[in-house]
């Protein structure tokens, strides 16, 4: 069995465990950690994670932020300067978070 298949299987067992009724929304977030070499294989199986989640009676929300940083940075006034001197980015990063909140939060949909 591949690592991704094992991850899907483990996830399915984990997500099927009943959640506490008093758990806050922030406590109902699940992250799966995987080897970066398996990125494409995992992306091909995302629907299996969704299916396992829904079968366990939970809602599913997928947030793919893969290209968001490049999209955001390319729209900045001094983008070329930041690409040339990335150490300057730390002053700009709070604006990236605002960009994500405006464009990729469930409330913006």
C-alpha atoms as a PDB file:
ATOM      1  CA  UNK A   1       0.000   0.000   0.000  1.00  0.00           C
ATOM      2  CA  UNK A   2       1.400   3.435  -0.930  1.00  0.00           C
ATOM      3  CA  UNK A   3       2.050   6.087   1.699  1.00  0.00           C
ATOM      4  CA  UNK A   4      -0.757   8.226   0.321  1.00  0.00           C
ATOM      5  CA  UNK A   5      -3.186   5.293   0.461  1.00  0.00           C
ATOM      6  CA  UNK A   6      -2.106   4.689   4.073  1.00  0.00           C
ATOM      7  CA  UNK A   7      -2.636   8.369   4.846  1.00  0.00           C
ATOM      8  CA  UNK A   8      -6.143   8.253   3.352  1.00  0.00           C
ATOM      9  CA  UNK A   9      -6.873   5.117   5.382  1.00  0.00           C
ATOM     10  CA  UNK A  10      -5.520   6.625   8.628  1.00  0.00           C
ATOM     11  CA  UNK A  11      -7.399   9.847   7.985  1.00  0.00           C
ATOM     12  CA  UNK A  12     -10.629   7.920   7.444  1.00  0.00           C
ATOM     13  CA  UNK A  13     -10.236   6.134  10.770  1.00  0.00           C
ATOM     14  CA  UNK A  14      -9.355   9.367  12.566  1.00  0.00           C
ATOM     15  CA  UNK A  15     -12.142  11.501  11.111  1.00  0.00           C
ATOM     16  CA  UNK A  16     -14.724   8.829  11.984  1.00  0.00           C
ATOM     17  CA  UNK A  17     -14.045   9.292  15.722  1.00  0.00           C
ATOM     18  CA  UNK A  18     -16.940  11.369  17.101  1.00  0.00           C
ATOM     19  CA  UNK A  19     -16.080  14.954  17.966  1.00  0.00           C
ATOM     20  CA  UNK A  20     -16.975  16.487  21.282  1.00  0.00           C
ATOM     21  CA  UNK A  21     -20.097  18.625  21.086  1.00  0.00           C
ATOM     22  CA  UNK A  22     -18.424  21.454  22.981  1.00  0.00           C
ATOM     23  CA  UNK A  23     -15.375  21.643  20.678  1.00  0.00           C
ATOM     24  CA  UNK A  24     -14.820  25.076  19.173  1.00  0.00           C
ATOM     25  CA  UNK A  25     -14.525  25.426  15.398  1.00  0.00           C
ATOM     26  CA  UNK A  26     -10.763  25.956  15.717  1.00  0.00           C
ATOM     27  CA  UNK A  27     -10.558  22.517  17.340  1.00  0.00           C
ATOM     28  CA  UNK A  28     -12.294  20.924  14.362  1.00  0.00           C
ATOM     29  CA  UNK A  29      -9.535  21.523  11.844  1.00  0.00           C
ATOM     30  CA  UNK A  30      -7.483  18.605  10.569  1.00  0.00           C
ATOM     31  CA  UNK A  31      -4.135  18.822   8.829  1.00  0.00           C
ATOM     32  CA  UNK A  32      -2.498  15.897   7.078  1.00  0.00           C
ATOM     33  CA  UNK A  33       1.277  15.951   6.971  1.00  0.00           C
ATOM     34  CA  UNK A  34       2.899  14.248   4.024  1.00  0.00           C
ATOM     35  CA  UNK A  35       6.210  14.044   2.211  1.00  0.00           C
ATOM     36  CA  UNK A  36       6.595  16.753  -0.433  1.00  0.00           C
ATOM     37  CA  UNK A  37       7.591  14.112  -2.987  1.00  0.00           C
ATOM     38  CA  UNK A  38       4.057  12.723  -2.747  1.00  0.00           C
ATOM     39  CA  UNK A  39       2.313  16.027  -3.506  1.00  0.00           C
ATOM     40  CA  UNK A  40       0.913  15.007  -6.899  1.00  0.00           C
ATOM     41  CA  UNK A  41      -0.235  11.608  -5.659  1.00  0.00           C
ATOM     42  CA  UNK A  42      -1.972  13.238  -2.701  1.00  0.00           C
ATOM     43  CA  UNK A  43      -3.670  15.846  -4.874  1.00  0.00           C
ATOM     44  CA  UNK A  44      -5.015  13.021  -7.025  1.00  0.00           C
ATOM     45  CA  UNK A  45      -6.610  11.478  -3.917  1.00  0.00           C
ATOM     46  CA  UNK A  46      -8.123  14.625  -2.348  1.00  0.00           C
ATOM     47  CA  UNK A  47     -11.596  13.422  -3.284  1.00  0.00           C
ATOM     48  CA  UNK A  48     -11.040  10.343  -1.100  1.00  0.00           C
ATOM     49  CA  UNK A  49     -10.337  12.596   1.903  1.00  0.00           C
ATOM     50  CA  UNK A  50     -13.506  14.535   1.142  1.00  0.00           C
ATOM     51  CA  UNK A  51     -15.529  11.332   0.858  1.00  0.00           C
ATOM     52  CA  UNK A  52     -14.203   9.990   4.178  1.00  0.00           C
ATOM     53  CA  UNK A  53     -15.016  13.306   5.850  1.00  0.00           C
ATOM     54  CA  UNK A  54     -18.567  13.426   4.557  1.00  0.00           C
ATOM     55  CA  UNK A  55     -19.162   9.749   5.360  1.00  0.00           C
ATOM     56  CA  UNK A  56     -18.189  10.571   8.955  1.00  0.00           C
ATOM     57  CA  UNK A  57     -20.911  13.251   8.985  1.00  0.00           C
ATOM     58  CA  UNK A  58     -18.619  16.278   8.835  1.00  0.00           C
ATOM     59  CA  UNK A  59     -18.529  19.208   6.471  1.00  0.00           C
ATOM     60  CA  UNK A  60     -15.674  19.539   3.984  1.00  0.00           C
ATOM     61  CA  UNK A  61     -13.859  22.699   2.930  1.00  0.00           C
ATOM     62  CA  UNK A  62     -10.740  22.602   0.793  1.00  0.00           C
ATOM     63  CA  UNK A  63      -8.461  25.632   0.775  1.00  0.00           C
ATOM     64  CA  UNK A  64      -5.771  25.316  -1.877  1.00  0.00           C
ATOM     65  CA  UNK A  65      -3.435  28.259  -1.375  1.00  0.00           C
ATOM     66  CA  UNK A  66      -0.745  26.934  -3.709  1.00  0.00           C
ATOM     67  CA  UNK A  67      -0.480  29.916  -6.050  1.00  0.00           C
ATOM     68  CA  UNK A  68      -1.850  32.653  -3.813  1.00  0.00           C
ATOM     69  CA  UNK A  69       1.481  34.064  -2.671  1.00  0.00           C
ATOM     70  CA  UNK A  70       2.780  34.449  -6.233  1.00  0.00           C
ATOM     71  CA  UNK A  71      -0.510  35.988  -7.362  1.00  0.00           C
ATOM     72  CA  UNK A  72      -0.509  38.423  -4.463  1.00  0.00           C
ATOM     73  CA  UNK A  73       3.164  39.376  -4.717  1.00  0.00           C
ATOM     74  CA  UNK A  74       3.019  39.927  -8.476  1.00  0.00           C
ATOM     75  CA  UNK A  75       0.282  42.509  -7.857  1.00  0.00           C
ATOM     76  CA  UNK A  76       2.396  44.537  -5.445  1.00  0.00           C
ATOM     77  CA  UNK A  77       3.724  47.903  -6.573  1.00  0.00           C
ATOM     78  CA  UNK A  78       7.366  46.975  -5.902  1.00  0.00           C
ATOM     79  CA  UNK A  79       7.120  43.295  -6.765  1.00  0.00           C
ATOM     80  CA  UNK A  80      10.374  43.240  -8.752  1.00  0.00           C
ATOM     81  CA  UNK A  81      12.231  44.709  -5.791  1.00  0.00           C
ATOM     82  CA  UNK A  82      10.833  42.028  -3.463  1.00  0.00           C
ATOM     83  CA  UNK A  83      11.795  39.267  -5.882  1.00  0.00           C
ATOM     84  CA  UNK A  84      15.320  40.684  -6.044  1.00  0.00           C
ATOM     85  CA  UNK A  85      15.562  41.274  -2.279  1.00  0.00           C
ATOM     86  CA  UNK A  86      13.261  38.758  -0.549  1.00  0.00           C
ATOM     87  CA  UNK A  87      14.600  39.681   2.905  1.00  0.00           C
ATOM     88  CA  UNK A  88      12.440  42.825   2.610  1.00  0.00           C
ATOM     89  CA  UNK A  89       9.222  40.775   2.449  1.00  0.00           C
ATOM     90  CA  UNK A  90       8.776  40.497   6.215  1.00  0.00           C
ATOM     91  CA  UNK A  91       7.408  44.047   6.306  1.00  0.00           C
ATOM     92  CA  UNK A  92       4.806  43.197   3.679  1.00  0.00           C
ATOM     93  CA  UNK A  93       3.598  39.797   4.930  1.00  0.00           C
ATOM     94  CA  UNK A  94       0.683  41.147   7.042  1.00  0.00           C
ATOM     95  CA  UNK A  95      -0.818  42.439   3.783  1.00  0.00           C
ATOM     96  CA  UNK A  96      -0.650  38.906   2.366  1.00  0.00           C
ATOM     97  CA  UNK A  97      -2.725  37.666   5.290  1.00  0.00           C
ATOM     98  CA  UNK A  98      -5.287  40.400   4.588  1.00  0.00           C
ATOM     99  CA  UNK A  99      -5.327  39.317   0.927  1.00  0.00           C
ATOM    100  CA  UNK A 100      -6.063  35.721   1.965  1.00  0.00           C
ATOM    101  CA  UNK A 101      -8.841  36.801   4.300  1.00  0.00           C
ATOM    102  CA  UNK A 102     -10.492  38.936   1.613  1.00  0.00           C
ATOM    103  CA  UNK A 103     -10.183  36.463  -1.239  1.00  0.00           C
ATOM    104  CA  UNK A 104     -10.018  32.944   0.213  1.00  0.00           C
ATOM    105  CA  UNK A 105     -11.978  32.873   3.447  1.00  0.00           C
ATOM    106  CA  UNK A 106     -15.291  30.979   3.603  1.00  0.00           C
ATOM    107  CA  UNK A 107     -17.008  34.291   4.285  1.00  0.00           C
ATOM    108  CA  UNK A 108     -15.797  35.819   1.008  1.00  0.00           C
ATOM    109  CA  UNK A 109     -17.414  33.090  -1.094  1.00  0.00           C
END
